[in-house]
């Protein structure tokens, strides 16, 4: 993990402390109407209230545990490589891509 921008560093901090849930995530600077897409779950949410309810509700329900494998910043994109395990012990290899705006805020996220 190389030198990261403040936004990428905030994302890294969240991923390393993901057990803190939405409270930890809310420390990352995001636009007011940022979007998150999780195609495998048919999630397409907008804004902090929907992210908290839908995404973090689901993560809590499955008792997700996140392990950050690597984080790469390239231009206006931050990519996280993760192992996410659930309460049944299933481990998924996930790639999350964060699009960062010119002000250094997350404006869109894809979890693939």
PDB file of N, CA and C in Angstrom:
ATOM      1  N   UNK A   1       0.840  -1.166   0.000  1.00  0.00           N
ATOM      2  CA  UNK A   1       0.000   0.000   0.000  1.00  0.00           C
ATOM      3  C   UNK A   1       0.889   1.234   0.000  1.00  0.00           C
ATOM      4  N   UNK A   2       0.751   1.988  -1.047  1.00  0.00           N
ATOM      5  CA  UNK A   2       1.615   3.143  -1.260  1.00  0.00           C
ATOM      6  C   UNK A   2       1.035   4.398  -0.607  1.00  0.00           C
ATOM      7  N   UNK A   3       1.694   5.539  -0.843  1.00  0.00           N
ATOM      8  CA  UNK A   3       1.158   6.805  -0.352  1.00  0.00           C
ATOM      9  C   UNK A   3      -0.213   7.036  -0.968  1.00  0.00           C
ATOM     10  N   UNK A   4      -1.163   7.397  -0.139  1.00  0.00           N
ATOM     11  CA  UNK A   4      -2.534   7.577  -0.581  1.00  0.00           C
ATOM     12  C   UNK A   4      -2.993   9.004  -0.316  1.00  0.00           C
ATOM     13  N   UNK A   5      -3.949   9.463  -1.110  1.00  0.00           N
ATOM     14  CA  UNK A   5      -4.576  10.763  -0.870  1.00  0.00           C
ATOM     15  C   UNK A   5      -5.361  10.687   0.441  1.00  0.00           C
ATOM     16  N   UNK A   6      -5.754  11.831   0.990  1.00  0.00           N
ATOM     17  CA  UNK A   6      -6.550  11.793   2.225  1.00  0.00           C
ATOM     18  C   UNK A   6      -7.836  10.974   2.089  1.00  0.00           C
ATOM     19  N   UNK A   7      -8.497  11.058   0.946  1.00  0.00           N
ATOM     20  CA  UNK A   7      -9.728  10.284   0.757  1.00  0.00           C
ATOM     21  C   UNK A   7      -9.431   8.796   0.710  1.00  0.00           C
ATOM     22  N   UNK A   8      -8.414   8.401  -0.042  1.00  0.00           N
ATOM     23  CA  UNK A   8      -8.043   6.984  -0.107  1.00  0.00           C
ATOM     24  C   UNK A   8      -7.600   6.483   1.261  1.00  0.00           C
ATOM     25  N   UNK A   9      -6.891   7.310   2.001  1.00  0.00           N
ATOM     26  CA  UNK A   9      -6.466   6.927   3.349  1.00  0.00           C
ATOM     27  C   UNK A   9      -7.682   6.746   4.259  1.00  0.00           C
ATOM     28  N   UNK A  10      -8.693   7.599   4.106  1.00  0.00           N
ATOM     29  CA  UNK A  10      -9.918   7.455   4.903  1.00  0.00           C
ATOM     30  C   UNK A  10     -10.649   6.162   4.549  1.00  0.00           C
ATOM     31  N   UNK A  11     -10.677   5.814   3.264  1.00  0.00           N
ATOM     32  CA  UNK A  11     -11.287   4.548   2.841  1.00  0.00           C
ATOM     33  C   UNK A  11     -10.504   3.384   3.439  1.00  0.00           C
ATOM     34  N   UNK A  12      -9.185   3.450   3.361  1.00  0.00           N
ATOM     35  CA  UNK A  12      -8.328   2.407   3.943  1.00  0.00           C
ATOM     36  C   UNK A  12      -8.610   2.263   5.433  1.00  0.00           C
ATOM     37  N   UNK A  13      -8.688   3.386   6.145  1.00  0.00           N
ATOM     38  CA  UNK A  13      -8.962   3.350   7.585  1.00  0.00           C
ATOM     39  C   UNK A  13     -10.302   2.663   7.853  1.00  0.00           C
ATOM     40  N   UNK A  14     -11.324   3.012   7.067  1.00  0.00           N
ATOM     41  CA  UNK A  14     -12.624   2.356   7.238  1.00  0.00           C
ATOM     42  C   UNK A  14     -12.500   0.851   7.017  1.00  0.00           C
ATOM     43  N   UNK A  15     -11.853   0.446   5.928  1.00  0.00           N
ATOM     44  CA  UNK A  15     -11.752  -0.985   5.621  1.00  0.00           C
ATOM     45  C   UNK A  15     -11.014  -1.747   6.721  1.00  0.00           C
ATOM     46  N   UNK A  16     -10.021  -1.109   7.324  1.00  0.00           N
ATOM     47  CA  UNK A  16      -9.286  -1.761   8.415  1.00  0.00           C
ATOM     48  C   UNK A  16     -10.078  -1.761   9.718  1.00  0.00           C
ATOM     49  N   UNK A  17     -11.132  -0.961   9.785  1.00  0.00           N
ATOM     50  CA  UNK A  17     -11.964  -0.847  10.987  1.00  0.00           C
ATOM     51  C   UNK A  17     -13.438  -1.053  10.651  1.00  0.00           C
ATOM     52  N   UNK A  18     -13.704  -1.886   9.656  1.00  0.00           N
ATOM     53  CA  UNK A  18     -15.067  -2.067   9.151  1.00  0.00           C
ATOM     54  C   UNK A  18     -16.024  -2.622  10.197  1.00  0.00           C
ATOM     55  N   UNK A  19     -15.498  -3.259  11.228  1.00  0.00           N
ATOM     56  CA  UNK A  19     -16.377  -3.775  12.281  1.00  0.00           C
ATOM     57  C   UNK A  19     -17.114  -2.636  12.982  1.00  0.00           C
ATOM     58  N   UNK A  20     -16.643  -1.411  12.806  1.00  0.00           N
ATOM     59  CA  UNK A  20     -17.310  -0.235  13.360  1.00  0.00           C
ATOM     60  C   UNK A  20     -18.541   0.188  12.582  1.00  0.00           C
ATOM     61  N   UNK A  21     -18.824  -0.505  11.474  1.00  0.00           N
ATOM     62  CA  UNK A  21     -20.040  -0.270  10.710  1.00  0.00           C
ATOM     63  C   UNK A  21     -20.159   1.118  10.118  1.00  0.00           C
ATOM     64  N   UNK A  22     -21.405   1.571  10.041  1.00  0.00           N
ATOM     65  CA  UNK A  22     -21.682   2.852   9.393  1.00  0.00           C
ATOM     66  C   UNK A  22     -20.996   4.011  10.102  1.00  0.00           C
ATOM     67  N   UNK A  23     -20.833   3.933  11.411  1.00  0.00           N
ATOM     68  CA  UNK A  23     -20.151   5.013  12.138  1.00  0.00           C
ATOM     69  C   UNK A  23     -18.741   5.227  11.599  1.00  0.00           C
ATOM     70  N   UNK A  24     -18.035   4.134  11.302  1.00  0.00           N
ATOM     71  CA  UNK A  24     -16.687   4.255  10.720  1.00  0.00           C
ATOM     72  C   UNK A  24     -16.765   4.766   9.286  1.00  0.00           C
ATOM     73  N   UNK A  25     -17.697   4.211   8.497  1.00  0.00           N
ATOM     74  CA  UNK A  25     -17.826   4.627   7.101  1.00  0.00           C
ATOM     75  C   UNK A  25     -18.152   6.116   7.000  1.00  0.00           C
ATOM     76  N   UNK A  26     -18.975   6.631   7.915  1.00  0.00           N
ATOM     77  CA  UNK A  26     -19.420   8.026   7.832  1.00  0.00           C
ATOM     78  C   UNK A  26     -18.280   9.025   7.997  1.00  0.00           C
ATOM     79  N   UNK A  27     -17.103   8.564   8.388  1.00  0.00           N
ATOM     80  CA  UNK A  27     -15.930   9.437   8.502  1.00  0.00           C
ATOM     81  C   UNK A  27     -15.289   9.721   7.138  1.00  0.00           C
ATOM     82  N   UNK A  28     -15.679   8.938   6.113  1.00  0.00           N
ATOM     83  CA  UNK A  28     -15.157   9.133   4.755  1.00  0.00           C
ATOM     84  C   UNK A  28     -15.970  10.243   4.087  1.00  0.00           C
ATOM     85  N   UNK A  29     -15.298  11.210   3.492  1.00  0.00           N
ATOM     86  CA  UNK A  29     -15.974  12.327   2.831  1.00  0.00           C
ATOM     87  C   UNK A  29     -16.665  11.843   1.556  1.00  0.00           C
ATOM     88  N   UNK A  30     -17.976  12.075   1.484  1.00  0.00           N
ATOM     89  CA  UNK A  30     -18.774  11.661   0.331  1.00  0.00           C
ATOM     90  C   UNK A  30     -19.659  12.817  -0.118  1.00  0.00           C
ATOM     91  N   UNK A  31     -20.055  12.797  -1.392  1.00  0.00           N
ATOM     92  CA  UNK A  31     -21.022  13.778  -1.868  1.00  0.00           C
ATOM     93  C   UNK A  31     -22.370  13.482  -1.213  1.00  0.00           C
ATOM     94  N   UNK A  32     -23.254  14.463  -1.230  1.00  0.00           N
ATOM     95  CA  UNK A  32     -24.553  14.311  -0.580  1.00  0.00           C
ATOM     96  C   UNK A  32     -25.370  13.176  -1.191  1.00  0.00           C
ATOM     97  N   UNK A  33     -25.269  13.007  -2.499  1.00  0.00           N
ATOM     98  CA  UNK A  33     -26.060  11.988  -3.190  1.00  0.00           C
ATOM     99  C   UNK A  33     -25.180  10.910  -3.812  1.00  0.00           C
ATOM    100  N   UNK A  34     -24.142  10.480  -3.070  1.00  0.00           N
ATOM    101  CA  UNK A  34     -23.279   9.443  -3.628  1.00  0.00           C
ATOM    102  C   UNK A  34     -24.083   8.173  -3.847  1.00  0.00           C
ATOM    103  N   UNK A  35     -23.631   7.374  -4.795  1.00  0.00           N
ATOM    104  CA  UNK A  35     -24.344   6.144  -5.163  1.00  0.00           C
ATOM    105  C   UNK A  35     -23.471   4.940  -4.888  1.00  0.00           C
ATOM    106  N   UNK A  36     -24.130   3.836  -4.571  1.00  0.00           N
ATOM    107  CA  UNK A  36     -23.423   2.569  -4.406  1.00  0.00           C
ATOM    108  C   UNK A  36     -24.178   1.496  -5.165  1.00  0.00           C
ATOM    109  N   UNK A  37     -23.423   0.738  -5.951  1.00  0.00           N
ATOM    110  CA  UNK A  37     -23.979  -0.335  -6.766  1.00  0.00           C
ATOM    111  C   UNK A  37     -23.375  -1.660  -6.309  1.00  0.00           C
ATOM    112  N   UNK A  38     -24.242  -2.642  -6.068  1.00  0.00           N
ATOM    113  CA  UNK A  38     -23.797  -4.004  -5.760  1.00  0.00           C
ATOM    114  C   UNK A  38     -24.599  -4.913  -6.695  1.00  0.00           C
ATOM    115  N   UNK A  39     -24.123  -5.095  -7.935  1.00  0.00           N
ATOM    116  CA  UNK A  39     -24.904  -5.838  -8.928  1.00  0.00           C
ATOM    117  C   UNK A  39     -25.303  -7.246  -8.488  1.00  0.00           C
ATOM    118  N   UNK A  40     -24.439  -7.943  -7.780  1.00  0.00           N
ATOM    119  CA  UNK A  40     -24.753  -9.322  -7.390  1.00  0.00           C
ATOM    120  C   UNK A  40     -25.942  -9.404  -6.440  1.00  0.00           C
ATOM    121  N   UNK A  41     -26.251  -8.307  -5.747  1.00  0.00           N
ATOM    122  CA  UNK A  41     -27.378  -8.265  -4.818  1.00  0.00           C
ATOM    123  C   UNK A  41     -28.513  -7.378  -5.345  1.00  0.00           C
ATOM    124  N   UNK A  42     -28.356  -6.855  -6.559  1.00  0.00           N
ATOM    125  CA  UNK A  42     -29.321  -5.922  -7.142  1.00  0.00           C
ATOM    126  C   UNK A  42     -29.520  -4.677  -6.280  1.00  0.00           C
ATOM    127  N   UNK A  43     -28.463  -4.237  -5.604  1.00  0.00           N
ATOM    128  CA  UNK A  43     -28.512  -3.008  -4.815  1.00  0.00           C
ATOM    129  C   UNK A  43     -28.028  -1.850  -5.681  1.00  0.00           C
ATOM    130  N   UNK A  44     -28.791  -0.785  -5.686  1.00  0.00           N
ATOM    131  CA  UNK A  44     -28.420   0.459  -6.358  1.00  0.00           C
ATOM    132  C   UNK A  44     -29.004   1.569  -5.499  1.00  0.00           C
ATOM    133  N   UNK A  45     -28.206   2.091  -4.581  1.00  0.00           N
ATOM    134  CA  UNK A  45     -28.708   3.026  -3.576  1.00  0.00           C
ATOM    135  C   UNK A  45     -28.053   4.393  -3.736  1.00  0.00           C
ATOM    136  N   UNK A  46     -28.744   5.407  -3.229  1.00  0.00           N
ATOM    137  CA  UNK A  46     -28.271   6.785  -3.338  1.00  0.00           C
ATOM    138  C   UNK A  46     -28.364   7.474  -1.986  1.00  0.00           C
ATOM    139  N   UNK A  47     -27.271   8.108  -1.590  1.00  0.00           N
ATOM    140  CA  UNK A  47     -27.255   8.920  -0.383  1.00  0.00           C
ATOM    141  C   UNK A  47     -26.997   8.136   0.890  1.00  0.00           C
ATOM    142  N   UNK A  48     -26.589   8.854   1.928  1.00  0.00           N
ATOM    143  CA  UNK A  48     -26.182   8.200   3.173  1.00  0.00           C
ATOM    144  C   UNK A  48     -27.293   7.407   3.858  1.00  0.00           C
ATOM    145  N   UNK A  49     -28.535   7.878   3.819  1.00  0.00           N
ATOM    146  CA  UNK A  49     -29.616   7.153   4.498  1.00  0.00           C
ATOM    147  C   UNK A  49     -29.850   5.789   3.856  1.00  0.00           C
ATOM    148  N   UNK A  50     -29.881   5.737   2.519  1.00  0.00           N
ATOM    149  CA  UNK A  50     -30.078   4.456   1.830  1.00  0.00           C
ATOM    150  C   UNK A  50     -28.874   3.546   2.012  1.00  0.00           C
ATOM    151  N   UNK A  51     -27.673   4.103   1.962  1.00  0.00           N
ATOM    152  CA  UNK A  51     -26.476   3.284   2.173  1.00  0.00           C
ATOM    153  C   UNK A  51     -26.514   2.674   3.570  1.00  0.00           C
ATOM    154  N   UNK A  52     -26.864   3.481   4.560  1.00  0.00           N
ATOM    155  CA  UNK A  52     -26.916   2.962   5.926  1.00  0.00           C
ATOM    156  C   UNK A  52     -27.978   1.874   6.051  1.00  0.00           C
ATOM    157  N   UNK A  53     -29.176   2.135   5.524  1.00  0.00           N
ATOM    158  CA  UNK A  53     -30.268   1.176   5.669  1.00  0.00           C
ATOM    159  C   UNK A  53     -30.038  -0.098   4.865  1.00  0.00           C
ATOM    160  N   UNK A  54     -29.752   0.047   3.582  1.00  0.00           N
ATOM    161  CA  UNK A  54     -29.678  -1.117   2.693  1.00  0.00           C
ATOM    162  C   UNK A  54     -28.334  -1.832   2.811  1.00  0.00           C
ATOM    163  N   UNK A  55     -27.250  -1.112   2.569  1.00  0.00           N
ATOM    164  CA  UNK A  55     -25.933  -1.749   2.527  1.00  0.00           C
ATOM    165  C   UNK A  55     -25.504  -2.203   3.915  1.00  0.00           C
ATOM    166  N   UNK A  56     -25.527  -1.289   4.877  1.00  0.00           N
ATOM    167  CA  UNK A  56     -25.058  -1.663   6.208  1.00  0.00           C
ATOM    168  C   UNK A  56     -26.055  -2.568   6.924  1.00  0.00           C
ATOM    169  N   UNK A  57     -27.345  -2.457   6.581  1.00  0.00           N
ATOM    170  CA  UNK A  57     -28.325  -3.407   7.107  1.00  0.00           C
ATOM    171  C   UNK A  57     -28.005  -4.820   6.652  1.00  0.00           C
ATOM    172  N   UNK A  58     -27.675  -4.962   5.366  1.00  0.00           N
ATOM    173  CA  UNK A  58     -27.325  -6.272   4.812  1.00  0.00           C
ATOM    174  C   UNK A  58     -26.018  -6.791   5.410  1.00  0.00           C
ATOM    175  N   UNK A  59     -25.006  -5.930   5.511  1.00  0.00           N
ATOM    176  CA  UNK A  59     -23.729  -6.364   6.091  1.00  0.00           C
ATOM    177  C   UNK A  59     -23.912  -6.840   7.532  1.00  0.00           C
ATOM    178  N   UNK A  60     -24.767  -6.155   8.286  1.00  0.00           N
ATOM    179  CA  UNK A  60     -25.052  -6.566   9.665  1.00  0.00           C
ATOM    180  C   UNK A  60     -25.789  -7.895   9.682  1.00  0.00           C
ATOM    181  N   UNK A  61     -26.769  -8.033   8.800  1.00  0.00           N
ATOM    182  CA  UNK A  61     -27.573  -9.257   8.734  1.00  0.00           C
ATOM    183  C   UNK A  61     -26.715 -10.493   8.458  1.00  0.00           C
ATOM    184  N   UNK A  62     -25.756 -10.364   7.552  1.00  0.00           N
ATOM    185  CA  UNK A  62     -24.925 -11.530   7.212  1.00  0.00           C
ATOM    186  C   UNK A  62     -23.690 -11.640   8.107  1.00  0.00           C
ATOM    187  N   UNK A  63     -23.565 -10.687   9.057  1.00  0.00           N
ATOM    188  CA  UNK A  63     -22.421 -10.658   9.976  1.00  0.00           C
ATOM    189  C   UNK A  63     -21.098 -10.636   9.205  1.00  0.00           C
ATOM    190  N   UNK A  64     -21.035  -9.735   8.241  1.00  0.00           N
ATOM    191  CA  UNK A  64     -19.868  -9.639   7.360  1.00  0.00           C
ATOM    192  C   UNK A  64     -18.621  -9.212   8.120  1.00  0.00           C
ATOM    193  N   UNK A  65     -17.524  -9.841   7.764  1.00  0.00           N
ATOM    194  CA  UNK A  65     -16.204  -9.453   8.266  1.00  0.00           C
ATOM    195  C   UNK A  65     -15.354  -9.160   7.035  1.00  0.00           C
ATOM    196  N   UNK A  66     -14.736  -7.972   7.018  1.00  0.00           N
ATOM    197  CA  UNK A  66     -13.953  -7.553   5.863  1.00  0.00           C
ATOM    198  C   UNK A  66     -12.467  -7.620   6.163  1.00  0.00           C
ATOM    199  N   UNK A  67     -11.729  -8.154   5.207  1.00  0.00           N
ATOM    200  CA  UNK A  67     -10.264  -8.153   5.286  1.00  0.00           C
ATOM    201  C   UNK A  67      -9.744  -7.413   4.060  1.00  0.00           C
ATOM    202  N   UNK A  68      -9.063  -6.303   4.289  1.00  0.00           N
ATOM    203  CA  UNK A  68      -8.471  -5.540   3.191  1.00  0.00           C
ATOM    204  C   UNK A  68      -7.201  -6.239   2.735  1.00  0.00           C
ATOM    205  N   UNK A  69      -7.186  -6.672   1.479  1.00  0.00           N
ATOM    206  CA  UNK A  69      -6.021  -7.339   0.905  1.00  0.00           C
ATOM    207  C   UNK A  69      -5.073  -6.308   0.305  1.00  0.00           C
ATOM    208  N   UNK A  70      -5.637  -5.327  -0.410  1.00  0.00           N
ATOM    209  CA  UNK A  70      -4.820  -4.278  -1.021  1.00  0.00           C
ATOM    210  C   UNK A  70      -5.718  -3.100  -1.365  1.00  0.00           C
ATOM    211  N   UNK A  71      -5.112  -1.952  -1.496  1.00  0.00           N
ATOM    212  CA  UNK A  71      -5.808  -0.747  -1.936  1.00  0.00           C
ATOM    213  C   UNK A  71      -4.895  -0.039  -2.931  1.00  0.00           C
ATOM    214  N   UNK A  72      -5.478   0.367  -4.055  1.00  0.00           N
ATOM    215  CA  UNK A  72      -4.714   1.010  -5.121  1.00  0.00           C
ATOM    216  C   UNK A  72      -5.449   2.279  -5.525  1.00  0.00           C
ATOM    217  N   UNK A  73      -4.693   3.356  -5.639  1.00  0.00           N
ATOM    218  CA  UNK A  73      -5.264   4.617  -6.101  1.00  0.00           C
ATOM    219  C   UNK A  73      -4.671   4.929  -7.467  1.00  0.00           C
ATOM    220  N   UNK A  74      -5.541   5.237  -8.414  1.00  0.00           N
ATOM    221  CA  UNK A  74      -5.109   5.558  -9.768  1.00  0.00           C
ATOM    222  C   UNK A  74      -6.003   6.676 -10.275  1.00  0.00           C
ATOM    223  N   UNK A  75      -5.448   7.880 -10.378  1.00  0.00           N
ATOM    224  CA  UNK A  75      -6.254   9.022 -10.802  1.00  0.00           C
ATOM    225  C   UNK A  75      -7.397   9.260  -9.838  1.00  0.00           C
ATOM    226  N   UNK A  76      -8.614   9.337 -10.369  1.00  0.00           N
ATOM    227  CA  UNK A  76      -9.785   9.611  -9.539  1.00  0.00           C
ATOM    228  C   UNK A  76     -10.477   8.340  -9.051  1.00  0.00           C
ATOM    229  N   UNK A  77      -9.776   7.213  -9.102  1.00  0.00           N
ATOM    230  CA  UNK A  77     -10.358   5.947  -8.653  1.00  0.00           C
ATOM    231  C   UNK A  77      -9.517   5.335  -7.537  1.00  0.00           C
ATOM    232  N   UNK A  78     -10.216   4.790  -6.565  1.00  0.00           N
ATOM    233  CA  UNK A  78      -9.582   4.022  -5.496  1.00  0.00           C
ATOM    234  C   UNK A  78     -10.184   2.625  -5.570  1.00  0.00           C
ATOM    235  N   UNK A  79      -9.332   1.615  -5.645  1.00  0.00           N
ATOM    236  CA  UNK A  79      -9.798   0.238  -5.749  1.00  0.00           C
ATOM    237  C   UNK A  79      -9.336  -0.545  -4.534  1.00  0.00           C
ATOM    238  N   UNK A  80     -10.295  -1.227  -3.896  1.00  0.00           N
ATOM    239  CA  UNK A  80      -9.987  -2.072  -2.741  1.00  0.00           C
ATOM    240  C   UNK A  80     -10.223  -3.525  -3.121  1.00  0.00           C
ATOM    241  N   UNK A  81      -9.281  -4.357  -2.755  1.00  0.00           N
ATOM    242  CA  UNK A  81      -9.397  -5.798  -2.930  1.00  0.00           C
ATOM    243  C   UNK A  81      -9.657  -6.379  -1.551  1.00  0.00           C
ATOM    244  N   UNK A  82     -10.750  -7.134  -1.426  1.00  0.00           N
ATOM    245  CA  UNK A  82     -11.204  -7.585  -0.111  1.00  0.00           C
ATOM    246  C   UNK A  82     -11.541  -9.061  -0.099  1.00  0.00           C
ATOM    247  N   UNK A  83     -11.403  -9.652   1.076  1.00  0.00           N
ATOM    248  CA  UNK A  83     -12.025 -10.938   1.386  1.00  0.00           C
ATOM    249  C   UNK A  83     -13.137 -10.591   2.365  1.00  0.00           C
ATOM    250  N   UNK A  84     -14.361 -10.978   2.049  1.00  0.00           N
ATOM    251  CA  UNK A  84     -15.484 -10.743   2.948  1.00  0.00           C
ATOM    252  C   UNK A  84     -16.080 -12.091   3.312  1.00  0.00           C
ATOM    253  N   UNK A  85     -16.129 -12.353   4.620  1.00  0.00           N
ATOM    254  CA  UNK A  85     -16.720 -13.605   5.093  1.00  0.00           C
ATOM    255  C   UNK A  85     -18.051 -13.299   5.762  1.00  0.00           C
ATOM    256  N   UNK A  86     -18.954 -14.293   5.729  1.00  0.00           N
ATOM    257  CA  UNK A  86     -20.256 -14.115   6.362  1.00  0.00           C
ATOM    258  C   UNK A  86     -20.408 -15.071   7.541  1.00  0.00           C
ATOM    259  N   UNK A  87     -21.580 -15.050   8.185  1.00  0.00           N
ATOM    260  CA  UNK A  87     -21.810 -15.850   9.386  1.00  0.00           C
ATOM    261  C   UNK A  87     -21.740 -17.349   9.116  1.00  0.00           C
ATOM    262  N   UNK A  88     -21.888 -17.766   7.858  1.00  0.00           N
ATOM    263  CA  UNK A  88     -21.800 -19.184   7.507  1.00  0.00           C
ATOM    264  C   UNK A  88     -20.388 -19.606   7.126  1.00  0.00           C
ATOM    265  N   UNK A  89     -19.446 -18.665   7.184  1.00  0.00           N
ATOM    266  CA  UNK A  89     -18.063 -18.975   6.852  1.00  0.00           C
ATOM    267  C   UNK A  89     -17.739 -18.882   5.375  1.00  0.00           C
ATOM    268  N   UNK A  90     -18.700 -18.456   4.571  1.00  0.00           N
ATOM    269  CA  UNK A  90     -18.458 -18.278   3.143  1.00  0.00           C
ATOM    270  C   UNK A  90     -17.566 -17.050   2.966  1.00  0.00           C
ATOM    271  N   UNK A  91     -16.517 -17.204   2.153  1.00  0.00           N
ATOM    272  CA  UNK A  91     -15.595 -16.094   1.900  1.00  0.00           C
ATOM    273  C   UNK A  91     -15.705 -15.695   0.430  1.00  0.00           C
ATOM    274  N   UNK A  92     -15.939 -14.415   0.214  1.00  0.00           N
ATOM    275  CA  UNK A  92     -16.035 -13.882  -1.141  1.00  0.00           C
ATOM    276  C   UNK A  92     -14.841 -12.991  -1.429  1.00  0.00           C
ATOM    277  N   UNK A  93     -14.339 -13.050  -2.644  1.00  0.00           N
ATOM    278  CA  UNK A  93     -13.316 -12.118  -3.108  1.00  0.00           C
ATOM    279  C   UNK A  93     -14.061 -10.967  -3.774  1.00  0.00           C
ATOM    280  N   UNK A  94     -13.918  -9.786  -3.209  1.00  0.00           N
ATOM    281  CA  UNK A  94     -14.671  -8.619  -3.665  1.00  0.00           C
ATOM    282  C   UNK A  94     -13.705  -7.525  -4.101  1.00  0.00           C
ATOM    283  N   UNK A  95     -14.081  -6.831  -5.161  1.00  0.00           N
ATOM    284  CA  UNK A  95     -13.363  -5.635  -5.599  1.00  0.00           C
ATOM    285  C   UNK A  95     -14.336  -4.474  -5.461  1.00  0.00           C
ATOM    286  N   UNK A  96     -13.914  -3.431  -4.756  1.00  0.00           N
ATOM    287  CA  UNK A  96     -14.719  -2.222  -4.640  1.00  0.00           C
ATOM    288  C   UNK A  96     -13.978  -1.080  -5.321  1.00  0.00           C
ATOM    289  N   UNK A  97     -14.699  -0.363  -6.165  1.00  0.00           N
ATOM    290  CA  UNK A  97     -14.121   0.767  -6.881  1.00  0.00           C
ATOM    291  C   UNK A  97     -14.852   2.027  -6.433  1.00  0.00           C
ATOM    292  N   UNK A  98     -14.078   2.988  -5.969  1.00  0.00           N
ATOM    293  CA  UNK A  98     -14.611   4.256  -5.484  1.00  0.00           C
ATOM    294  C   UNK A  98     -14.222   5.347  -6.474  1.00  0.00           C
ATOM    295  N   UNK A  99     -15.202   6.051  -7.027  1.00  0.00           N
ATOM    296  CA  UNK A  99     -14.936   7.189  -7.910  1.00  0.00           C
ATOM    297  C   UNK A  99     -14.911   8.440  -7.038  1.00  0.00           C
ATOM    298  N   UNK A 100     -13.822   9.197  -7.140  1.00  0.00           N
ATOM    299  CA  UNK A 100     -13.611  10.374  -6.311  1.00  0.00           C
ATOM    300  C   UNK A 100     -13.805  11.627  -7.166  1.00  0.00           C
ATOM    301  N   UNK A 101     -14.546  12.617  -6.647  1.00  0.00           N
ATOM    302  CA  UNK A 101     -14.756  13.850  -7.413  1.00  0.00           C
ATOM    303  C   UNK A 101     -13.575  14.806  -7.245  1.00  0.00           C
ATOM    304  N   UNK A 102     -13.639  15.943  -7.911  1.00  0.00           N
ATOM    305  CA  UNK A 102     -12.534  16.910  -7.893  1.00  0.00           C
ATOM    306  C   UNK A 102     -12.293  17.517  -6.517  1.00  0.00           C
ATOM    307  N   UNK A 103     -13.290  17.457  -5.647  1.00  0.00           N
ATOM    308  CA  UNK A 103     -13.149  17.992  -4.286  1.00  0.00           C
ATOM    309  C   UNK A 103     -12.649  16.929  -3.305  1.00  0.00           C
ATOM    310  N   UNK A 104     -12.370  15.718  -3.819  1.00  0.00           N
ATOM    311  CA  UNK A 104     -11.848  14.659  -2.959  1.00  0.00           C
ATOM    312  C   UNK A 104     -12.912  13.896  -2.199  1.00  0.00           C
ATOM    313  N   UNK A 105     -14.148  13.911  -2.716  1.00  0.00           N
ATOM    314  CA  UNK A 105     -15.244  13.191  -2.064  1.00  0.00           C
ATOM    315  C   UNK A 105     -15.644  11.978  -2.893  1.00  0.00           C
ATOM    316  N   UNK A 106     -16.059  10.919  -2.214  1.00  0.00           N
ATOM    317  CA  UNK A 106     -16.577   9.740  -2.903  1.00  0.00           C
ATOM    318  C   UNK A 106     -17.906  10.129  -3.540  1.00  0.00           C
ATOM    319  N   UNK A 107     -18.028   9.851  -4.860  1.00  0.00           N
ATOM    320  CA  UNK A 107     -19.297  10.147  -5.522  1.00  0.00           C
ATOM    321  C   UNK A 107     -19.992   8.900  -6.054  1.00  0.00           C
ATOM    322  N   UNK A 108     -19.251   7.799  -6.187  1.00  0.00           N
ATOM    323  CA  UNK A 108     -19.869   6.568  -6.662  1.00  0.00           C
ATOM    324  C   UNK A 108     -19.006   5.384  -6.249  1.00  0.00           C
ATOM    325  N   UNK A 109     -19.685   4.263  -5.936  1.00  0.00           N
ATOM    326  CA  UNK A 109     -18.997   3.049  -5.488  1.00  0.00           C
ATOM    327  C   UNK A 109     -19.604   1.865  -6.226  1.00  0.00           C
ATOM    328  N   UNK A 110     -18.738   0.983  -6.692  1.00  0.00           N
ATOM    329  CA  UNK A 110     -19.162  -0.286  -7.266  1.00  0.00           C
ATOM    330  C   UNK A 110     -18.532  -1.397  -6.439  1.00  0.00           C
ATOM    331  N   UNK A 111     -19.346  -2.330  -5.975  1.00  0.00           N
ATOM    332  CA  UNK A 111     -18.846  -3.511  -5.269  1.00  0.00           C
ATOM    333  C   UNK A 111     -19.090  -4.703  -6.187  1.00  0.00           C
ATOM    334  N   UNK A 112     -17.999  -5.286  -6.663  1.00  0.00           N
ATOM    335  CA  UNK A 112     -18.080  -6.363  -7.662  1.00  0.00           C
ATOM    336  C   UNK A 112     -17.494  -7.653  -7.127  1.00  0.00           C
TER     337      UNK A 112
END
